[in-house]
Amino acid sequence: MHIAILVKDYDEAIEFYTKKLHFDLIEDTTLTDSKRWVLVRPQGAKECALLLAKAVNDTQISAIGNQSGGRVFLFLNTNNFDRDYENLIHNNIKIIRPPTI
């Protein structure tokens, strides 16, 4: 299964997901001069990947970063929450609310 997520720029998005979130780059195939098939997924994941889709019109561009209308977009499992949370902080990822038990 692939979940499409709108991005401003393919390379910028690949760098964010692979360097800051430590996702694996699964595929990066050029389809046309302006379109690529880019898949990333969390390390160890097998069932699902994110399809990074470059926004191409004003409606799509306006949805970047708010594709779920302000609701939670994804739930990711981890075997080490503290490690992964510290990685987000270290990479200056915006945290809306701190974790709670």
N, C-alpha and C. Protein backbone atom coordinates (compact mmCIF):
# COMPACT_ATOMS: atom_id res chain seq x y z
N MET A 1 0.85 -1.17 0.00
CA MET A 1 0.00 0.00 0.00
C MET A 1 0.90 1.23 0.00
N HIS A 2 0.49 2.23 -0.75
CA HIS A 2 1.19 3.52 -0.79
C HIS A 2 0.22 4.62 -0.39
N ILE A 3 0.71 5.56 0.39
CA ILE A 3 -0.07 6.72 0.78
C ILE A 3 0.58 7.94 0.14
N ALA A 4 -0.17 8.64 -0.70
CA ALA A 4 0.37 9.82 -1.38
C ALA A 4 0.40 11.00 -0.43
N ILE A 5 1.51 11.72 -0.46
CA ILE A 5 1.65 12.93 0.34
C ILE A 5 2.23 14.01 -0.57
N LEU A 6 1.57 15.17 -0.58
CA LEU A 6 2.01 16.27 -1.44
C LEU A 6 3.26 16.93 -0.87
N VAL A 7 4.21 17.21 -1.75
CA VAL A 7 5.46 17.87 -1.36
C VAL A 7 5.75 19.01 -2.33
N LYS A 8 6.54 19.96 -1.87
CA LYS A 8 6.91 21.11 -2.71
C LYS A 8 7.97 20.71 -3.73
N ASP A 9 8.93 19.88 -3.28
CA ASP A 9 10.07 19.54 -4.11
C ASP A 9 10.50 18.11 -3.80
N TYR A 10 10.73 17.30 -4.80
CA TYR A 10 11.10 15.90 -4.58
C TYR A 10 12.38 15.77 -3.75
N ASP A 11 13.44 16.45 -4.16
CA ASP A 11 14.73 16.27 -3.48
C ASP A 11 14.70 16.77 -2.05
N GLU A 12 14.03 17.90 -1.84
CA GLU A 12 13.89 18.43 -0.48
C GLU A 12 13.13 17.43 0.40
N ALA A 13 12.07 16.84 -0.13
CA ALA A 13 11.27 15.87 0.63
C ALA A 13 12.06 14.59 0.90
N ILE A 14 12.80 14.12 -0.10
CA ILE A 14 13.64 12.93 0.10
C ILE A 14 14.64 13.18 1.21
N GLU A 15 15.28 14.33 1.18
CA GLU A 15 16.26 14.65 2.22
C GLU A 15 15.61 14.69 3.60
N PHE A 16 14.43 15.31 3.70
CA PHE A 16 13.73 15.38 4.98
C PHE A 16 13.42 13.99 5.51
N TYR A 17 12.79 13.17 4.69
CA TYR A 17 12.37 11.84 5.15
C TYR A 17 13.54 10.90 5.41
N THR A 18 14.59 10.98 4.59
CA THR A 18 15.71 10.05 4.78
C THR A 18 16.73 10.54 5.79
N LYS A 19 17.02 11.82 5.80
CA LYS A 19 18.07 12.34 6.70
C LYS A 19 17.54 12.70 8.08
N LYS A 20 16.34 13.25 8.16
CA LYS A 20 15.81 13.67 9.46
C LYS A 20 14.95 12.61 10.12
N LEU A 21 14.15 11.89 9.34
CA LEU A 21 13.27 10.88 9.92
C LEU A 21 13.84 9.47 9.77
N HIS A 22 14.93 9.34 9.05
CA HIS A 22 15.61 8.05 8.85
C HIS A 22 14.75 7.02 8.12
N PHE A 23 13.88 7.49 7.23
CA PHE A 23 13.12 6.58 6.37
C PHE A 23 14.08 6.03 5.31
N ASP A 24 13.71 4.92 4.72
CA ASP A 24 14.45 4.35 3.60
C ASP A 24 13.87 4.88 2.29
N LEU A 25 14.74 5.23 1.35
CA LEU A 25 14.30 5.58 0.00
C LEU A 25 14.15 4.27 -0.75
N ILE A 26 12.94 3.94 -1.14
CA ILE A 26 12.65 2.67 -1.79
C ILE A 26 12.77 2.78 -3.31
N GLU A 27 12.29 3.89 -3.84
CA GLU A 27 12.33 4.08 -5.30
C GLU A 27 12.34 5.55 -5.63
N ASP A 28 13.07 5.90 -6.67
CA ASP A 28 13.08 7.26 -7.21
C ASP A 28 13.25 7.12 -8.72
N THR A 29 12.13 7.07 -9.41
CA THR A 29 12.13 6.84 -10.85
C THR A 29 11.58 8.06 -11.58
N THR A 30 12.32 8.55 -12.56
CA THR A 30 11.86 9.67 -13.37
C THR A 30 10.81 9.17 -14.35
N LEU A 31 9.65 9.83 -14.35
CA LEU A 31 8.57 9.48 -15.27
C LEU A 31 8.51 10.43 -16.45
N THR A 32 8.65 11.72 -16.17
CA THR A 32 8.71 12.76 -17.21
C THR A 32 9.72 13.80 -16.73
N ASP A 33 9.88 14.88 -17.50
CA ASP A 33 10.80 15.94 -17.07
C ASP A 33 10.40 16.56 -15.74
N SER A 34 9.10 16.49 -15.39
CA SER A 34 8.64 17.15 -14.17
C SER A 34 8.00 16.20 -13.15
N LYS A 35 7.96 14.90 -13.47
CA LYS A 35 7.27 13.97 -12.58
C LYS A 35 8.16 12.76 -12.27
N ARG A 36 8.18 12.41 -10.97
CA ARG A 36 8.94 11.24 -10.51
C ARG A 36 8.04 10.36 -9.66
N TRP A 37 8.41 9.08 -9.58
CA TRP A 37 7.75 8.12 -8.70
C TRP A 37 8.71 7.91 -7.54
N VAL A 38 8.40 8.52 -6.39
CA VAL A 38 9.31 8.49 -5.24
C VAL A 38 8.60 7.83 -4.06
N LEU A 39 9.17 6.74 -3.58
CA LEU A 39 8.63 6.02 -2.43
C LEU A 39 9.63 6.01 -1.29
N VAL A 40 9.15 6.34 -0.09
CA VAL A 40 9.95 6.23 1.14
C VAL A 40 9.12 5.48 2.16
N ARG A 41 9.80 4.84 3.11
CA ARG A 41 9.08 4.17 4.19
C ARG A 41 9.96 4.10 5.42
N PRO A 42 9.34 4.01 6.59
CA PRO A 42 10.12 3.89 7.82
C PRO A 42 11.00 2.64 7.76
N GLN A 43 12.18 2.75 8.36
CA GLN A 43 13.08 1.60 8.39
C GLN A 43 12.38 0.40 9.00
N GLY A 44 12.49 -0.74 8.35
CA GLY A 44 11.89 -1.97 8.84
C GLY A 44 10.46 -2.19 8.40
N ALA A 45 9.80 -1.15 7.88
CA ALA A 45 8.41 -1.30 7.43
C ALA A 45 8.39 -2.09 6.12
N LYS A 46 7.38 -2.90 5.95
CA LYS A 46 7.23 -3.69 4.74
C LYS A 46 5.88 -3.46 4.07
N GLU A 47 4.87 -3.12 4.85
CA GLU A 47 3.50 -3.09 4.36
C GLU A 47 3.12 -1.81 3.63
N CYS A 48 3.74 -0.70 3.96
CA CYS A 48 3.26 0.58 3.48
C CYS A 48 4.43 1.52 3.20
N ALA A 49 4.24 2.40 2.22
CA ALA A 49 5.24 3.42 1.89
C ALA A 49 4.52 4.73 1.59
N LEU A 50 5.25 5.82 1.73
CA LEU A 50 4.73 7.12 1.32
C LEU A 50 5.15 7.39 -0.11
N LEU A 51 4.20 7.78 -0.93
CA LEU A 51 4.48 8.22 -2.29
C LEU A 51 4.60 9.74 -2.24
N LEU A 52 5.79 10.25 -2.48
CA LEU A 52 6.01 11.70 -2.44
C LEU A 52 5.59 12.27 -3.78
N ALA A 53 4.49 13.01 -3.80
CA ALA A 53 3.90 13.54 -5.02
C ALA A 53 4.09 15.05 -5.05
N LYS A 54 4.78 15.54 -6.08
CA LYS A 54 5.03 16.97 -6.18
C LYS A 54 3.74 17.71 -6.54
N ALA A 55 3.42 18.70 -5.72
CA ALA A 55 2.24 19.53 -5.96
C ALA A 55 2.45 20.32 -7.25
N VAL A 56 1.41 20.36 -8.10
CA VAL A 56 1.57 20.99 -9.41
C VAL A 56 0.59 22.13 -9.69
N ASN A 57 -0.36 22.36 -8.80
CA ASN A 57 -1.28 23.48 -9.02
C ASN A 57 -1.56 24.17 -7.68
N ASP A 58 -2.25 25.28 -7.74
CA ASP A 58 -2.49 26.08 -6.52
C ASP A 58 -3.24 25.31 -5.45
N THR A 59 -4.21 24.50 -5.82
CA THR A 59 -4.97 23.73 -4.85
C THR A 59 -4.06 22.74 -4.13
N GLN A 60 -3.24 22.03 -4.88
CA GLN A 60 -2.31 21.07 -4.28
C GLN A 60 -1.27 21.78 -3.43
N ILE A 61 -0.72 22.85 -3.93
CA ILE A 61 0.30 23.60 -3.18
C ILE A 61 -0.27 24.08 -1.85
N SER A 62 -1.52 24.54 -1.85
CA SER A 62 -2.12 25.03 -0.60
C SER A 62 -2.35 23.90 0.41
N ALA A 63 -2.36 22.66 -0.04
CA ALA A 63 -2.60 21.52 0.87
C ALA A 63 -1.31 20.95 1.46
N ILE A 64 -0.15 21.39 0.98
CA ILE A 64 1.10 20.87 1.53
C ILE A 64 1.16 21.19 3.02
N GLY A 65 1.41 20.16 3.82
CA GLY A 65 1.50 20.33 5.27
C GLY A 65 0.16 20.29 5.99
N ASN A 66 -0.93 20.24 5.25
CA ASN A 66 -2.26 20.19 5.86
C ASN A 66 -3.16 19.25 5.07
N GLN A 67 -2.62 18.15 4.68
CA GLN A 67 -3.35 17.24 3.81
C GLN A 67 -4.49 16.51 4.50
N SER A 68 -4.49 16.54 5.81
CA SER A 68 -5.57 15.86 6.54
C SER A 68 -6.54 16.86 7.17
N GLY A 69 -6.47 18.10 6.74
CA GLY A 69 -7.40 19.11 7.25
C GLY A 69 -7.24 19.41 8.72
N GLY A 70 -6.03 19.27 9.25
CA GLY A 70 -5.77 19.56 10.65
C GLY A 70 -5.92 18.38 11.58
N ARG A 71 -6.31 17.23 11.05
CA ARG A 71 -6.42 16.00 11.85
C ARG A 71 -5.07 15.28 11.85
N VAL A 72 -4.95 14.29 12.70
CA VAL A 72 -3.74 13.47 12.70
C VAL A 72 -3.65 12.77 11.36
N PHE A 73 -2.46 12.79 10.75
CA PHE A 73 -2.30 12.22 9.42
C PHE A 73 -1.83 10.77 9.47
N LEU A 74 -0.81 10.49 10.24
CA LEU A 74 -0.25 9.15 10.29
C LEU A 74 0.04 8.73 11.72
N PHE A 75 -0.08 7.46 11.97
CA PHE A 75 0.35 6.87 13.23
C PHE A 75 1.48 5.91 12.88
N LEU A 76 2.64 6.10 13.48
CA LEU A 76 3.78 5.23 13.22
C LEU A 76 4.14 4.47 14.49
N ASN A 77 4.43 3.21 14.35
CA ASN A 77 4.88 2.40 15.48
C ASN A 77 6.39 2.50 15.61
N THR A 78 6.88 2.34 16.84
CA THR A 78 8.31 2.34 17.09
C THR A 78 8.63 1.35 18.19
N ASN A 79 9.84 0.83 18.15
CA ASN A 79 10.28 -0.05 19.24
C ASN A 79 11.12 0.72 20.26
N ASN A 80 11.31 2.04 20.03
CA ASN A 80 12.09 2.85 20.96
C ASN A 80 11.59 4.30 20.85
N PHE A 81 10.53 4.61 21.57
CA PHE A 81 9.92 5.93 21.49
C PHE A 81 10.91 7.03 21.87
N ASP A 82 11.63 6.86 22.97
CA ASP A 82 12.55 7.91 23.44
C ASP A 82 13.60 8.23 22.38
N ARG A 83 14.17 7.22 21.76
CA ARG A 83 15.18 7.43 20.70
C ARG A 83 14.57 8.23 19.54
N ASP A 84 13.40 7.81 19.10
CA ASP A 84 12.79 8.46 17.94
C ASP A 84 12.32 9.87 18.26
N TYR A 85 11.80 10.09 19.46
CA TYR A 85 11.38 11.43 19.87
C TYR A 85 12.60 12.36 19.95
N GLU A 86 13.68 11.88 20.54
CA GLU A 86 14.91 12.69 20.62
C GLU A 86 15.45 13.01 19.23
N ASN A 87 15.31 12.09 18.28
CA ASN A 87 15.73 12.35 16.91
C ASN A 87 14.91 13.50 16.31
N LEU A 88 13.61 13.53 16.59
CA LEU A 88 12.78 14.63 16.09
C LEU A 88 13.24 15.96 16.67
N ILE A 89 13.48 15.99 17.97
CA ILE A 89 13.95 17.21 18.63
C ILE A 89 15.30 17.63 18.05
N HIS A 90 16.22 16.69 17.92
CA HIS A 90 17.56 16.95 17.40
C HIS A 90 17.50 17.54 15.98
N ASN A 91 16.53 17.12 15.19
CA ASN A 91 16.40 17.59 13.81
C ASN A 91 15.43 18.75 13.65
N ASN A 92 15.09 19.39 14.78
CA ASN A 92 14.24 20.58 14.78
C ASN A 92 12.89 20.36 14.11
N ILE A 93 12.32 19.16 14.32
CA ILE A 93 10.99 18.87 13.82
C ILE A 93 9.99 19.51 14.77
N LYS A 94 9.03 20.25 14.23
CA LYS A 94 8.06 20.95 15.05
C LYS A 94 7.15 19.95 15.76
N ILE A 95 7.13 20.02 17.08
CA ILE A 95 6.28 19.18 17.91
C ILE A 95 5.12 20.05 18.39
N ILE A 96 3.90 19.67 18.04
CA ILE A 96 2.73 20.47 18.40
C ILE A 96 2.42 20.35 19.89
N ARG A 97 2.43 19.10 20.40
CA ARG A 97 2.18 18.84 21.84
C ARG A 97 3.22 17.83 22.29
N PRO A 98 3.77 18.03 23.47
CA PRO A 98 4.73 17.04 23.98
C PRO A 98 4.02 15.71 24.26
N PRO A 99 4.77 14.62 24.27
CA PRO A 99 4.15 13.31 24.54
C PRO A 99 3.60 13.25 25.96
N THR A 100 2.54 12.47 26.12
CA THR A 100 1.95 12.24 27.43
C THR A 100 1.72 10.74 27.60
N ILE A 101 1.64 10.36 28.84
CA ILE A 101 1.40 8.93 29.14
C ILE A 101 -0.06 8.70 29.37
